[in-house]
PDB file of all heavy atoms in Angstrom:
ATOM      1  N   LEU A   1     -65.033-180.043 287.040  1.00  0.00           N
ATOM      2  CA  LEU A   1     -64.495-178.809 286.589  1.00  0.00           C
ATOM      3  C   LEU A   1     -64.437-177.812 287.691  1.00  0.00           C
ATOM      4  O   LEU A   1     -65.382-177.574 288.343  1.00  0.00           O
ATOM      5  CB  LEU A   1     -65.306-178.262 285.410  1.00  0.00           C
ATOM      6  CG  LEU A   1     -65.600-179.170 284.226  1.00  0.00           C
ATOM      7  CD1 LEU A   1     -66.493-178.485 283.218  1.00  0.00           C
ATOM      8  CD2 LEU A   1     -64.380-179.684 283.632  1.00  0.00           C
ATOM      9  N   GLY A   2     -63.260-177.237 287.886  1.00  0.00           N
ATOM     10  CA  GLY A   2     -63.052-176.236 289.030  1.00  0.00           C
ATOM     11  C   GLY A   2     -62.798-174.827 288.493  1.00  0.00           C
ATOM     12  O   GLY A   2     -61.907-174.659 287.638  1.00  0.00           O
ATOM     13  N   ASP A   3     -63.612-173.879 288.855  1.00  0.00           N
ATOM     14  CA  ASP A   3     -63.351-172.459 288.446  1.00  0.00           C
ATOM     15  C   ASP A   3     -63.358-171.553 289.707  1.00  0.00           C
ATOM     16  O   ASP A   3     -63.690-170.368 289.545  1.00  0.00           O
ATOM     17  CB  ASP A   3     -64.319-172.055 287.378  1.00  0.00           C
ATOM     18  CG  ASP A   3     -65.759-171.922 287.921  1.00  0.00           C
ATOM     19  OD1 ASP A   3     -66.020-172.430 289.014  1.00  0.00           O
ATOM     20  OD2 ASP A   3     -66.571-171.336 287.209  1.00  0.00           O
ATOM     21  N   ARG A   4     -62.999-172.135 290.829  1.00  0.00           N
ATOM     22  CA  ARG A   4     -63.096-171.287 292.075  1.00  0.00           C
ATOM     23  C   ARG A   4     -64.439-170.683 292.295  1.00  0.00           C
ATOM     24  O   ARG A   4     -64.575-169.582 292.617  1.00  0.00           O
ATOM     25  CB  ARG A   4     -62.017-170.233 292.017  1.00  0.00           C
ATOM     26  CG  ARG A   4     -60.594-170.726 291.670  1.00  0.00           C
ATOM     27  CD  ARG A   4     -59.937-171.481 292.758  1.00  0.00           C
ATOM     28  NE  ARG A   4     -59.735-170.713 293.979  1.00  0.00           N
ATOM     29  CZ  ARG A   4     -59.095-171.205 295.039  1.00  0.00           C
ATOM     30  NH1 ARG A   4     -58.645-172.474 295.077  1.00  0.00           N
ATOM     31  NH2 ARG A   4     -58.900-170.425 296.103  1.00  0.00           N
ATOM     32  N   TYR A   5     -65.504-171.482 292.008  1.00  0.00           N
ATOM     33  CA  TYR A   5     -66.881-171.026 292.205  1.00  0.00           C
ATOM     34  C   TYR A   5     -67.148-169.698 291.384  1.00  0.00           C
ATOM     35  O   TYR A   5     -67.771-168.813 291.864  1.00  0.00           O
ATOM     36  CB  TYR A   5     -67.195-170.817 293.687  1.00  0.00           C
ATOM     37  CG  TYR A   5     -67.155-172.158 294.420  1.00  0.00           C
ATOM     38  CD1 TYR A   5     -66.068-172.543 295.100  1.00  0.00           C
ATOM     39  CD2 TYR A   5     -68.307-172.977 294.434  1.00  0.00           C
ATOM     40  CE1 TYR A   5     -66.020-173.765 295.842  1.00  0.00           C
ATOM     41  CE2 TYR A   5     -68.264-174.239 295.108  1.00  0.00           C
ATOM     42  CZ  TYR A   5     -67.132-174.585 295.768  1.00  0.00           C
ATOM     43  OH  TYR A   5     -67.170-175.790 296.502  1.00  0.00           O
ATOM     44  N   GLY A   6     -66.675-169.779 290.111  1.00  0.00           N
ATOM     45  CA  GLY A   6     -66.894-168.643 289.256  1.00  0.00           C
ATOM     46  C   GLY A   6     -65.830-167.577 289.301  1.00  0.00           C
ATOM     47  O   GLY A   6     -65.907-166.614 288.510  1.00  0.00           O
ATOM     48  N   GLY A   7     -64.810-167.737 290.047  1.00  0.00           N
ATOM     49  CA  GLY A   7     -63.779-166.732 290.238  1.00  0.00           C
ATOM     50  C   GLY A   7     -62.693-166.745 289.206  1.00  0.00           C
ATOM     51  O   GLY A   7     -61.896-165.783 289.073  1.00  0.00           O
ATOM     52  N   SER A   8     -62.451-167.834 288.528  1.00  0.00           N
ATOM     53  CA  SER A   8     -61.288-168.019 287.647  1.00  0.00           C
ATOM     54  C   SER A   8     -61.612-168.177 286.081  1.00  0.00           C
ATOM     55  O   SER A   8     -60.769-168.231 285.318  1.00  0.00           O
ATOM     56  CB  SER A   8     -60.419-169.103 288.094  1.00  0.00           C
ATOM     57  OG  SER A   8     -61.068-170.362 287.853  1.00  0.00           O
ATOM     58  N   ALA A   9     -62.915-168.272 285.771  1.00  0.00           N
ATOM     59  CA  ALA A   9     -63.310-168.493 284.383  1.00  0.00           C
ATOM     60  C   ALA A   9     -64.663-168.025 284.146  1.00  0.00           C
ATOM     61  O   ALA A   9     -65.542-167.949 285.001  1.00  0.00           O
ATOM     62  CB  ALA A   9     -63.132-169.995 284.039  1.00  0.00           C
ATOM     63  N   SER A  10     -64.944-167.731 282.812  1.00  0.00           N
ATOM     64  CA  SER A  10     -66.250-167.285 282.401  1.00  0.00           C
ATOM     65  C   SER A  10     -67.295-168.417 282.496  1.00  0.00           C
ATOM     66  O   SER A  10     -66.994-169.561 282.185  1.00  0.00           O
ATOM     67  CB  SER A  10     -66.133-166.840 280.944  1.00  0.00           C
ATOM     68  OG  SER A  10     -67.404-166.946 280.263  1.00  0.00           O
ATOM     69  N   PRO A  11     -68.509-168.131 282.912  1.00  0.00           N
ATOM     70  CA  PRO A  11     -69.571-169.133 282.903  1.00  0.00           C
ATOM     71  C   PRO A  11     -69.756-169.768 281.533  1.00  0.00           C
ATOM     72  O   PRO A  11     -70.072-170.941 281.451  1.00  0.00           O
ATOM     73  CB  PRO A  11     -70.770-168.360 283.386  1.00  0.00           C
ATOM     74  CG  PRO A  11     -70.207-167.192 284.167  1.00  0.00           C
ATOM     75  CD  PRO A  11     -68.967-166.805 283.488  1.00  0.00           C
ATOM     76  N   ALA A  12     -69.662-168.930 280.438  1.00  0.00           N
ATOM     77  CA  ALA A  12     -69.871-169.456 279.125  1.00  0.00           C
ATOM     78  C   ALA A  12     -68.843-170.464 278.782  1.00  0.00           C
ATOM     79  O   ALA A  12     -69.110-171.518 278.155  1.00  0.00           O
ATOM     80  CB  ALA A  12     -69.901-168.369 278.111  1.00  0.00           C
ATOM     81  N   LEU A  13     -67.592-170.244 279.179  1.00  0.00           N
ATOM     82  CA  LEU A  13     -66.522-171.181 278.986  1.00  0.00           C
ATOM     83  C   LEU A  13     -66.785-172.428 279.726  1.00  0.00           C
ATOM     84  O   LEU A  13     -66.621-173.574 279.208  1.00  0.00           O
ATOM     85  CB  LEU A  13     -65.164-170.588 279.352  1.00  0.00           C
ATOM     86  CG  LEU A  13     -63.987-171.457 279.260  1.00  0.00           C
ATOM     87  CD1 LEU A  13     -63.733-171.937 277.850  1.00  0.00           C
ATOM     88  CD2 LEU A  13     -62.715-170.757 279.839  1.00  0.00           C
ATOM     89  N   MET A  14     -67.164-172.324 280.963  1.00  0.00           N
ATOM     90  CA  MET A  14     -67.434-173.527 281.760  1.00  0.00           C
ATOM     91  C   MET A  14     -68.489-174.353 281.137  1.00  0.00           C
ATOM     92  O   MET A  14     -68.477-175.615 281.100  1.00  0.00           O
ATOM     93  CB  MET A  14     -67.871-173.123 283.204  1.00  0.00           C
ATOM     94  CG  MET A  14     -66.682-172.634 284.004  1.00  0.00           C
ATOM     95  SD  MET A  14     -65.440-173.894 284.524  1.00  0.00           S
ATOM     96  CE  MET A  14     -66.459-174.673 285.823  1.00  0.00           C
ATOM     97  N   SER A  15     -69.530-173.691 280.613  1.00  0.00           N
ATOM     98  CA  SER A  15     -70.652-174.478 279.995  1.00  0.00           C
ATOM     99  C   SER A  15     -70.156-175.174 278.767  1.00  0.00           C
ATOM    100  O   SER A  15     -70.541-176.330 278.490  1.00  0.00           O
ATOM    101  CB  SER A  15     -71.756-173.464 279.675  1.00  0.00           C
ATOM    102  OG  SER A  15     -72.327-172.996 280.824  1.00  0.00           O
ATOM    103  N   MET A  16     -69.265-174.559 278.046  1.00  0.00           N
ATOM    104  CA  MET A  16     -68.731-175.199 276.756  1.00  0.00           C
ATOM    105  C   MET A  16     -67.958-176.407 277.149  1.00  0.00           C
ATOM    106  O   MET A  16     -68.099-177.487 276.543  1.00  0.00           O
ATOM    107  CB  MET A  16     -67.909-174.178 275.990  1.00  0.00           C
ATOM    108  CG  MET A  16     -67.185-174.832 274.837  1.00  0.00           C
ATOM    109  SD  MET A  16     -66.237-173.659 273.769  1.00  0.00           S
ATOM    110  CE  MET A  16     -67.568-172.825 272.879  1.00  0.00           C
ATOM    111  N   ILE A  17     -67.119-176.327 278.173  1.00  0.00           N
ATOM    112  CA  ILE A  17     -66.267-177.456 278.579  1.00  0.00           C
ATOM    113  C   ILE A  17     -67.139-178.552 279.161  1.00  0.00           C
ATOM    114  O   ILE A  17     -66.979-179.766 278.847  1.00  0.00           O
ATOM    115  CB  ILE A  17     -65.205-176.955 279.594  1.00  0.00           C
ATOM    116  CG1 ILE A  17     -64.249-175.998 278.898  1.00  0.00           C
ATOM    117  CG2 ILE A  17     -64.431-178.226 280.123  1.00  0.00           C
ATOM    118  CD1 ILE A  17     -63.257-175.342 279.856  1.00  0.00           C
ATOM    119  N   GLU A  18     -68.103-178.160 279.976  1.00  0.00           N
ATOM    120  CA  GLU A  18     -69.050-179.096 280.505  1.00  0.00           C
ATOM    121  C   GLU A  18     -69.745-179.928 279.408  1.00  0.00           C
ATOM    122  O   GLU A  18     -69.877-181.137 279.482  1.00  0.00           O
ATOM    123  CB  GLU A  18     -70.023-178.472 281.452  1.00  0.00           C
ATOM    124  CG  GLU A  18     -70.990-179.358 282.145  1.00  0.00           C
ATOM    125  CD  GLU A  18     -71.976-178.606 283.101  1.00  0.00           C
ATOM    126  OE1 GLU A  18     -72.478-177.531 282.649  1.00  0.00           O
ATOM    127  OE2 GLU A  18     -72.152-179.025 284.222  1.00  0.00           O
ATOM    128  N   GLY A  19     -70.247-179.204 278.433  1.00  0.00           N
ATOM    129  CA  GLY A  19     -70.996-179.877 277.348  1.00  0.00           C
ATOM    130  C   GLY A  19     -70.118-180.782 276.551  1.00  0.00           C
ATOM    131  O   GLY A  19     -70.639-181.863 276.114  1.00  0.00           O
ATOM    132  N   HIS A  20     -68.834-180.386 276.469  1.00  0.00           N
ATOM    133  CA  HIS A  20     -67.947-181.265 275.634  1.00  0.00           C
ATOM    134  C   HIS A  20     -67.829-182.622 276.351  1.00  0.00           C
ATOM    135  O   HIS A  20     -67.874-183.686 275.695  1.00  0.00           O
ATOM    136  CB  HIS A  20     -66.588-180.580 275.617  1.00  0.00           C
ATOM    137  CG  HIS A  20     -65.495-181.452 275.051  1.00  0.00           C
ATOM    138  ND1 HIS A  20     -65.387-181.806 273.728  1.00  0.00           N
ATOM    139  CD2 HIS A  20     -64.447-182.147 275.646  1.00  0.00           C
ATOM    140  CE1 HIS A  20     -64.371-182.632 273.544  1.00  0.00           C
ATOM    141  NE2 HIS A  20     -63.755-182.812 274.647  1.00  0.00           N
ATOM    142  N   PHE A  21     -67.589-182.696 277.710  1.00  0.00           N
ATOM    143  CA  PHE A  21     -67.416-183.963 278.402  1.00  0.00           C
ATOM    144  C   PHE A  21     -68.739-184.726 278.473  1.00  0.00           C
ATOM    145  O   PHE A  21     -68.747-185.919 278.493  1.00  0.00           O
ATOM    146  CB  PHE A  21     -66.785-183.670 279.755  1.00  0.00           C
ATOM    147  CG  PHE A  21     -65.290-183.279 279.715  1.00  0.00           C
ATOM    148  CD1 PHE A  21     -64.858-182.101 280.098  1.00  0.00           C
ATOM    149  CD2 PHE A  21     -64.382-184.203 279.221  1.00  0.00           C
ATOM    150  CE1 PHE A  21     -63.501-181.787 280.032  1.00  0.00           C
ATOM    151  CE2 PHE A  21     -63.072-183.944 279.111  1.00  0.00           C
ATOM    152  CZ  PHE A  21     -62.573-182.741 279.577  1.00  0.00           C
ATOM    153  N   GLN A  22     -69.817-183.957 278.659  1.00  0.00           N
ATOM    154  CA  GLN A  22     -71.130-184.642 278.680  1.00  0.00           C
ATOM    155  C   GLN A  22     -71.436-185.315 277.345  1.00  0.00           C
ATOM    156  O   GLN A  22     -71.947-186.469 277.326  1.00  0.00           O
ATOM    157  CB  GLN A  22     -72.271-183.638 279.044  1.00  0.00           C
ATOM    158  CG  GLN A  22     -72.266-183.207 280.433  1.00  0.00           C
ATOM    159  CD  GLN A  22     -73.258-182.103 280.756  1.00  0.00           C
ATOM    160  OE1 GLN A  22     -73.638-181.304 279.838  1.00  0.00           O
ATOM    161  NE2 GLN A  22     -73.691-181.987 282.021  1.00  0.00           N
ATOM    162  N   ALA A  23     -71.030-184.721 276.224  1.00  0.00           N
ATOM    163  CA  ALA A  23     -71.276-185.322 274.938  1.00  0.00           C
ATOM    164  C   ALA A  23     -70.431-186.588 274.787  1.00  0.00           C
ATOM    165  O   ALA A  23     -70.812-187.484 273.987  1.00  0.00           O
ATOM    166  CB  ALA A  23     -70.934-184.277 273.852  1.00  0.00           C
ATOM    167  N   ALA A  24     -69.304-186.622 275.551  1.00  0.00           N
ATOM    168  CA  ALA A  24     -68.548-187.868 275.476  1.00  0.00           C
ATOM    169  C   ALA A  24     -69.144-189.016 276.325  1.00  0.00           C
ATOM    170  O   ALA A  24     -68.639-190.161 276.301  1.00  0.00           O
ATOM    171  CB  ALA A  24     -67.094-187.600 275.916  1.00  0.00           C
ATOM    172  N   GLY A  25     -70.201-188.667 277.082  1.00  0.00           N
ATOM    173  CA  GLY A  25     -70.963-189.709 277.774  1.00  0.00           C
ATOM    174  C   GLY A  25     -70.620-189.795 279.314  1.00  0.00           C
ATOM    175  O   GLY A  25     -71.033-190.740 279.966  1.00  0.00           O
ATOM    176  N   TRP A  26     -69.970-188.708 279.813  1.00  0.00           N
ATOM    177  CA  TRP A  26     -69.548-188.768 281.204  1.00  0.00           C
ATOM    178  C   TRP A  26     -70.324-187.852 282.119  1.00  0.00           C
ATOM    179  O   TRP A  26     -70.840-186.715 281.665  1.00  0.00           O
ATOM    180  CB  TRP A  26     -68.079-188.429 281.348  1.00  0.00           C
ATOM    181  CG  TRP A  26     -67.135-189.408 280.645  1.00  0.00           C
ATOM    182  CD1 TRP A  26     -67.277-190.777 280.771  1.00  0.00           C
ATOM    183  CD2 TRP A  26     -66.093-189.117 279.871  1.00  0.00           C
ATOM    184  NE1 TRP A  26     -66.271-191.362 279.991  1.00  0.00           N
ATOM    185  CE2 TRP A  26     -65.555-190.385 279.416  1.00  0.00           C
ATOM    186  CE3 TRP A  26     -65.501-187.953 279.355  1.00  0.00           C
ATOM    187  CZ2 TRP A  26     -64.455-190.510 278.571  1.00  0.00           C
ATOM    188  CZ3 TRP A  26     -64.345-188.075 278.543  1.00  0.00           C
ATOM    189  CH2 TRP A  26     -63.897-189.347 278.144  1.00  0.00           C
TER     190      TRP A  26
END
């Protein structure tokens, strides 16, 4: 996941997306 090191998206959004893919087993 790329967010320009925090420059393009909310940390909370990044965590939600990260959790989604981790829950898929990746």
